[in-house]
């Protein structure tokens, strides 16, 4: 079948992304709205080849966030951008304390989707794993029909 399967995947009840599958590939797409109606939003797509790197990156960045959080003096803030050139770190940032537009936590695409709660991190990574396990079944179904 020459079509596309899409599913809105929610976690923690209020955050979501779009899981898209076709016969040959699958991806996860986040949409981040602008701060208000005057600004366009942005999006980030994670393709099937990148998903394991994102899972690893989130885990490693979470560990570093915890270390920094315990060492940055109270009332202070610290921001670290991790470039794609640094291997599997995947355009993320780690923010301790809030400074300006940057919220506390591990952010994807440098400033979006701050995660500062281990339960929320685990929930997101479980959803990534859910997509990884579901995608091959959907791809097979699309190929056979």
C-alpha atoms as a PDB file:
ATOM      1  CA  UNK A   1       0.000   0.000   0.000  1.00  0.00           C
ATOM      2  CA  UNK A   2       1.409   3.344  -0.952  1.00  0.00           C
ATOM      3  CA  UNK A   3       0.299   5.400   2.016  1.00  0.00           C
ATOM      4  CA  UNK A   4       1.409   7.005   5.240  1.00  0.00           C
ATOM      5  CA  UNK A   5       0.495   6.020   8.774  1.00  0.00           C
ATOM      6  CA  UNK A   6       0.464   8.828  11.348  1.00  0.00           C
ATOM      7  CA  UNK A   7      -0.103   8.708  15.072  1.00  0.00           C
ATOM      8  CA  UNK A   8      -0.040  11.456  17.657  1.00  0.00           C
ATOM      9  CA  UNK A   9       1.948  10.093  20.589  1.00  0.00           C
ATOM     10  CA  UNK A  10       1.364  11.716  23.970  1.00  0.00           C
ATOM     11  CA  UNK A  11       3.314  11.316  27.135  1.00  0.00           C
ATOM     12  CA  UNK A  12       2.810  12.831  30.575  1.00  0.00           C
ATOM     13  CA  UNK A  13      -0.683  13.717  29.391  1.00  0.00           C
ATOM     14  CA  UNK A  14       0.175  17.011  27.697  1.00  0.00           C
ATOM     15  CA  UNK A  15       3.249  16.680  25.521  1.00  0.00           C
ATOM     16  CA  UNK A  16       3.140  15.030  22.140  1.00  0.00           C
ATOM     17  CA  UNK A  17       4.849  14.355  18.849  1.00  0.00           C
ATOM     18  CA  UNK A  18       3.799  12.867  15.517  1.00  0.00           C
ATOM     19  CA  UNK A  19       4.936   9.357  14.642  1.00  0.00           C
ATOM     20  CA  UNK A  20       4.930   8.851  10.847  1.00  0.00           C
ATOM     21  CA  UNK A  21       5.520   5.592   8.986  1.00  0.00           C
ATOM     22  CA  UNK A  22       5.599   4.755   5.291  1.00  0.00           C
ATOM     23  CA  UNK A  23       6.713   1.568   3.519  1.00  0.00           C
ATOM     24  CA  UNK A  24      10.400   2.450   3.534  1.00  0.00           C
ATOM     25  CA  UNK A  25      11.007   4.612   6.605  1.00  0.00           C
ATOM     26  CA  UNK A  26       9.630   6.161   9.746  1.00  0.00           C
ATOM     27  CA  UNK A  27      10.216   9.305  11.791  1.00  0.00           C
ATOM     28  CA  UNK A  28       9.161  11.298  14.819  1.00  0.00           C
ATOM     29  CA  UNK A  29       8.295  14.984  14.399  1.00  0.00           C
ATOM     30  CA  UNK A  30       8.037  17.602  17.106  1.00  0.00           C
ATOM     31  CA  UNK A  31       6.365  20.941  16.507  1.00  0.00           C
ATOM     32  CA  UNK A  32       7.318  23.850  18.758  1.00  0.00           C
ATOM     33  CA  UNK A  33       4.953  26.849  18.542  1.00  0.00           C
ATOM     34  CA  UNK A  34       6.336  30.369  18.585  1.00  0.00           C
ATOM     35  CA  UNK A  35       6.033  32.413  21.780  1.00  0.00           C
ATOM     36  CA  UNK A  36       2.832  34.008  20.463  1.00  0.00           C
ATOM     37  CA  UNK A  37       0.855  34.439  17.231  1.00  0.00           C
ATOM     38  CA  UNK A  38       3.363  36.941  15.816  1.00  0.00           C
ATOM     39  CA  UNK A  39       6.021  34.235  15.435  1.00  0.00           C
ATOM     40  CA  UNK A  40       6.146  31.087  13.346  1.00  0.00           C
ATOM     41  CA  UNK A  41       6.802  27.835  15.100  1.00  0.00           C
ATOM     42  CA  UNK A  42       9.578  25.416  14.304  1.00  0.00           C
ATOM     43  CA  UNK A  43       9.801  21.670  13.979  1.00  0.00           C
ATOM     44  CA  UNK A  44      12.341  18.935  14.518  1.00  0.00           C
ATOM     45  CA  UNK A  45      12.258  15.555  12.788  1.00  0.00           C
ATOM     46  CA  UNK A  46      14.085  12.502  14.061  1.00  0.00           C
ATOM     47  CA  UNK A  47      14.411   9.779  11.470  1.00  0.00           C
ATOM     48  CA  UNK A  48      14.715   6.073  12.185  1.00  0.00           C
ATOM     49  CA  UNK A  49      18.507   6.084  11.824  1.00  0.00           C
ATOM     50  CA  UNK A  50      18.867   8.762  14.521  1.00  0.00           C
ATOM     51  CA  UNK A  51      16.503   7.501  17.202  1.00  0.00           C
ATOM     52  CA  UNK A  52      19.054   5.404  19.100  1.00  0.00           C
ATOM     53  CA  UNK A  53      21.473   8.345  19.140  1.00  0.00           C
ATOM     54  CA  UNK A  54      18.749  10.585  20.564  1.00  0.00           C
ATOM     55  CA  UNK A  55      17.948   8.038  23.280  1.00  0.00           C
ATOM     56  CA  UNK A  56      21.632   7.773  24.209  1.00  0.00           C
ATOM     57  CA  UNK A  57      22.046  11.551  24.063  1.00  0.00           C
ATOM     58  CA  UNK A  58      19.099  12.167  26.350  1.00  0.00           C
ATOM     59  CA  UNK A  59      20.482   9.694  28.894  1.00  0.00           C
ATOM     60  CA  UNK A  60      24.023  11.126  28.813  1.00  0.00           C
ATOM     61  CA  UNK A  61      22.804  14.708  28.910  1.00  0.00           C
ATOM     62  CA  UNK A  62      20.495  13.830  31.817  1.00  0.00           C
ATOM     63  CA  UNK A  63      23.484  12.499  33.781  1.00  0.00           C
ATOM     64  CA  UNK A  64      25.420  15.693  33.086  1.00  0.00           C
ATOM     65  CA  UNK A  65      22.385  17.828  33.996  1.00  0.00           C
ATOM     66  CA  UNK A  66      22.209  16.054  37.375  1.00  0.00           C
ATOM     67  CA  UNK A  67      25.927  16.675  38.023  1.00  0.00           C
ATOM     68  CA  UNK A  68      25.678  20.339  37.067  1.00  0.00           C
ATOM     69  CA  UNK A  69      22.488  20.830  39.055  1.00  0.00           C
ATOM     70  CA  UNK A  70      24.274  19.585  42.175  1.00  0.00           C
ATOM     71  CA  UNK A  71      27.329  21.811  41.607  1.00  0.00           C
ATOM     72  CA  UNK A  72      25.985  25.158  40.352  1.00  0.00           C
ATOM     73  CA  UNK A  73      25.528  27.520  43.315  1.00  0.00           C
ATOM     74  CA  UNK A  74      21.919  28.157  44.312  1.00  0.00           C
ATOM     75  CA  UNK A  75      20.465  31.177  42.569  1.00  0.00           C
ATOM     76  CA  UNK A  76      22.913  30.878  39.679  1.00  0.00           C
ATOM     77  CA  UNK A  77      22.323  29.630  36.182  1.00  0.00           C
ATOM     78  CA  UNK A  78      24.429  27.757  33.666  1.00  0.00           C
ATOM     79  CA  UNK A  79      23.863  26.854  30.017  1.00  0.00           C
ATOM     80  CA  UNK A  80      25.775  24.371  27.892  1.00  0.00           C
ATOM     81  CA  UNK A  81      25.065  23.874  24.198  1.00  0.00           C
ATOM     82  CA  UNK A  82      26.097  20.560  22.769  1.00  0.00           C
ATOM     83  CA  UNK A  83      26.810  20.666  19.060  1.00  0.00           C
ATOM     84  CA  UNK A  84      26.157  17.898  16.607  1.00  0.00           C
ATOM     85  CA  UNK A  85      29.920  17.856  15.966  1.00  0.00           C
ATOM     86  CA  UNK A  86      30.414  16.331  19.412  1.00  0.00           C
ATOM     87  CA  UNK A  87      29.194  12.939  18.213  1.00  0.00           C
ATOM     88  CA  UNK A  88      25.921  11.555  19.429  1.00  0.00           C
ATOM     89  CA  UNK A  89      24.894  14.567  21.519  1.00  0.00           C
ATOM     90  CA  UNK A  90      22.356  15.721  18.913  1.00  0.00           C
ATOM     91  CA  UNK A  91      21.841  19.495  19.104  1.00  0.00           C
ATOM     92  CA  UNK A  92      20.783  19.577  22.741  1.00  0.00           C
ATOM     93  CA  UNK A  93      21.465  21.966  25.562  1.00  0.00           C
ATOM     94  CA  UNK A  94      21.655  21.595  29.305  1.00  0.00           C
ATOM     95  CA  UNK A  95      20.307  24.466  31.371  1.00  0.00           C
ATOM     96  CA  UNK A  96      20.603  24.720  35.132  1.00  0.00           C
ATOM     97  CA  UNK A  97      18.478  27.459  36.632  1.00  0.00           C
ATOM     98  CA  UNK A  98      16.475  29.564  34.243  1.00  0.00           C
ATOM     99  CA  UNK A  99      18.063  32.418  32.372  1.00  0.00           C
ATOM    100  CA  UNK A 100      16.146  34.393  29.783  1.00  0.00           C
ATOM    101  CA  UNK A 101      14.321  32.154  27.318  1.00  0.00           C
ATOM    102  CA  UNK A 102      16.102  29.009  28.486  1.00  0.00           C
ATOM    103  CA  UNK A 103      14.186  26.789  30.869  1.00  0.00           C
ATOM    104  CA  UNK A 104      15.827  24.487  33.396  1.00  0.00           C
ATOM    105  CA  UNK A 105      16.533  20.988  32.093  1.00  0.00           C
ATOM    106  CA  UNK A 106      17.786  19.054  29.086  1.00  0.00           C
ATOM    107  CA  UNK A 107      16.465  20.701  25.921  1.00  0.00           C
ATOM    108  CA  UNK A 108      16.190  19.303  22.425  1.00  0.00           C
ATOM    109  CA  UNK A 109      17.031  21.496  19.420  1.00  0.00           C
ATOM    110  CA  UNK A 110      18.922  23.725  21.886  1.00  0.00           C
ATOM    111  CA  UNK A 111      15.952  25.391  23.574  1.00  0.00           C
ATOM    112  CA  UNK A 112      12.805  23.312  23.227  1.00  0.00           C
ATOM    113  CA  UNK A 113      11.107  20.731  25.360  1.00  0.00           C
ATOM    114  CA  UNK A 114      13.011  21.187  28.627  1.00  0.00           C
ATOM    115  CA  UNK A 115      13.014  17.986  30.657  1.00  0.00           C
ATOM    116  CA  UNK A 116      13.979  18.368  34.297  1.00  0.00           C
ATOM    117  CA  UNK A 117      12.105  15.453  35.795  1.00  0.00           C
ATOM    118  CA  UNK A 118      13.425  11.887  35.571  1.00  0.00           C
ATOM    119  CA  UNK A 119       9.915  10.453  35.309  1.00  0.00           C
ATOM    120  CA  UNK A 120       9.200  12.654  32.306  1.00  0.00           C
ATOM    121  CA  UNK A 121      12.524  11.706  30.702  1.00  0.00           C
ATOM    122  CA  UNK A 122      11.802   8.005  31.159  1.00  0.00           C
ATOM    123  CA  UNK A 123       8.297   8.480  29.784  1.00  0.00           C
ATOM    124  CA  UNK A 124       9.635  10.197  26.643  1.00  0.00           C
ATOM    125  CA  UNK A 125      12.256   7.509  26.077  1.00  0.00           C
ATOM    126  CA  UNK A 126       9.611   4.804  26.531  1.00  0.00           C
ATOM    127  CA  UNK A 127       7.591   6.468  23.776  1.00  0.00           C
ATOM    128  CA  UNK A 128      10.647   6.517  21.519  1.00  0.00           C
ATOM    129  CA  UNK A 129      11.078   2.787  22.181  1.00  0.00           C
ATOM    130  CA  UNK A 130       7.358   2.261  21.496  1.00  0.00           C
ATOM    131  CA  UNK A 131       7.776   3.864  18.067  1.00  0.00           C
ATOM    132  CA  UNK A 132      10.885   1.788  17.328  1.00  0.00           C
ATOM    133  CA  UNK A 133       9.029  -1.440  18.083  1.00  0.00           C
ATOM    134  CA  UNK A 134       5.794  -0.494  16.299  1.00  0.00           C
ATOM    135  CA  UNK A 135       7.325   0.908  13.098  1.00  0.00           C
ATOM    136  CA  UNK A 136       8.530  -2.398  11.560  1.00  0.00           C
ATOM    137  CA  UNK A 137       5.058  -3.941  11.974  1.00  0.00           C
ATOM    138  CA  UNK A 138       3.403  -0.989  10.253  1.00  0.00           C
ATOM    139  CA  UNK A 139       6.025  -0.951   7.485  1.00  0.00           C
ATOM    140  CA  UNK A 140       5.412  -4.646   6.866  1.00  0.00           C
ATOM    141  CA  UNK A 141       1.654  -4.092   6.765  1.00  0.00           C
ATOM    142  CA  UNK A 142       2.066  -1.218   4.294  1.00  0.00           C
ATOM    143  CA  UNK A 143       4.317  -3.361   2.097  1.00  0.00           C
ATOM    144  CA  UNK A 144       1.869  -6.290   1.989  1.00  0.00           C
ATOM    145  CA  UNK A 145      -1.275  -4.285   1.268  1.00  0.00           C
END
